[in-house]
Amino acid sequence: MPDSIRCIGELTTVSGYPQCSGQWEVVFQPPPFDPSQLDPVLLSQAFGAGFVLVATSFVVTLGARIFLNFLKSL
């Protein structure tokens, strides 16, 4: 991917052309995001951690609901 340039100093326009009072500097541009570069092992670990987090809160909430319903029935 091509790099970009930026002006170190004041940027002005003269006759439609940019003029820099300082120096032009080349700035690295990172490549765009590509999902094919993701590691399947890390993706499965992240998905598993998210699933465990949601499932744990669901089970705790369900257990509390069952317990409270049991107390109400007494």
Protein backbone atom coordinates (compact mmCIF):
# COMPACT_ATOMS: atom_id res chain seq x y z
CA MET A 1 0.00 0.00 0.00
CA PRO A 2 1.42 3.43 -0.83
CA ASP A 3 2.56 5.65 1.98
CA SER A 4 1.24 9.15 2.57
CA ILE A 5 3.12 12.40 2.90
CA ARG A 6 2.61 15.22 5.36
CA CYS A 7 4.02 18.68 5.77
CA ILE A 8 6.15 19.53 8.79
CA GLY A 9 5.47 23.23 8.94
CA GLU A 10 2.76 25.39 7.48
CA LEU A 11 0.87 24.14 4.46
CA THR A 12 -0.33 26.73 1.95
CA THR A 13 -1.79 26.57 -1.52
CA VAL A 14 -0.18 28.57 -4.32
CA SER A 15 -1.88 28.47 -7.74
CA GLY A 16 -3.68 25.29 -6.73
CA TYR A 17 -0.49 23.46 -5.68
CA PRO A 18 0.37 22.69 -2.06
CA GLN A 19 3.48 24.40 -0.72
CA CYS A 20 5.14 23.38 2.54
CA SER A 21 7.15 25.89 4.59
CA GLY A 22 9.10 23.03 6.19
CA GLN A 23 9.84 19.54 4.91
CA TRP A 24 7.63 16.83 3.48
CA GLU A 25 7.66 13.63 5.51
CA VAL A 26 6.63 10.13 4.39
CA VAL A 27 4.09 8.55 6.79
CA PHE A 28 3.58 4.79 6.91
CA GLN A 29 -0.02 3.67 6.33
CA PRO A 30 -0.89 0.28 7.82
CA PRO A 31 -2.64 -2.19 5.53
CA PRO A 32 -6.43 -2.40 5.76
CA PHE A 33 -8.05 -5.00 8.02
CA ASP A 34 -8.19 -8.45 6.43
CA PRO A 35 -10.23 -11.13 8.29
CA SER A 36 -8.25 -13.91 6.60
CA GLN A 37 -5.19 -12.88 8.66
CA LEU A 38 -6.90 -13.75 11.95
CA ASP A 39 -5.67 -16.82 13.80
CA PRO A 40 -8.44 -19.45 14.11
CA VAL A 41 -7.08 -20.67 17.47
CA LEU A 42 -7.22 -17.18 18.97
CA LEU A 43 -10.69 -16.63 17.52
CA SER A 44 -11.97 -19.84 19.08
CA GLN A 45 -10.42 -18.90 22.44
CA ALA A 46 -12.06 -15.46 22.35
CA PHE A 47 -15.42 -16.97 21.38
CA GLY A 48 -15.12 -19.56 24.14
CA ALA A 49 -14.27 -16.93 26.75
CA GLY A 50 -17.26 -14.84 25.70
CA PHE A 51 -19.53 -17.87 25.76
CA VAL A 52 -18.34 -18.86 29.25
CA LEU A 53 -18.91 -15.31 30.51
CA VAL A 54 -22.48 -15.17 29.18
CA ALA A 55 -23.31 -18.77 30.14
CA THR A 56 -22.04 -18.27 33.70
CA SER A 57 -24.15 -15.17 34.27
CA PHE A 58 -27.16 -16.94 32.72
CA VAL A 59 -26.77 -20.01 34.97
CA VAL A 60 -26.32 -17.86 38.10
CA THR A 61 -29.39 -15.80 37.23
CA LEU A 62 -31.44 -18.91 36.47
CA GLY A 63 -30.35 -20.51 39.76
CA ALA A 64 -31.27 -17.38 41.72
CA ARG A 65 -34.67 -17.27 40.01
CA ILE A 66 -35.36 -20.93 40.85
CA PHE A 67 -34.26 -20.38 44.44
CA LEU A 68 -36.46 -17.29 44.86
CA ASN A 69 -39.44 -19.11 43.33
CA PHE A 70 -38.84 -21.95 45.77
CA LEU A 71 -38.82 -19.50 48.70
CA LYS A 72 -42.06 -17.88 47.48
CA SER A 73 -43.81 -21.26 47.33
CA LEU A 74 -43.12 -22.00 51.01
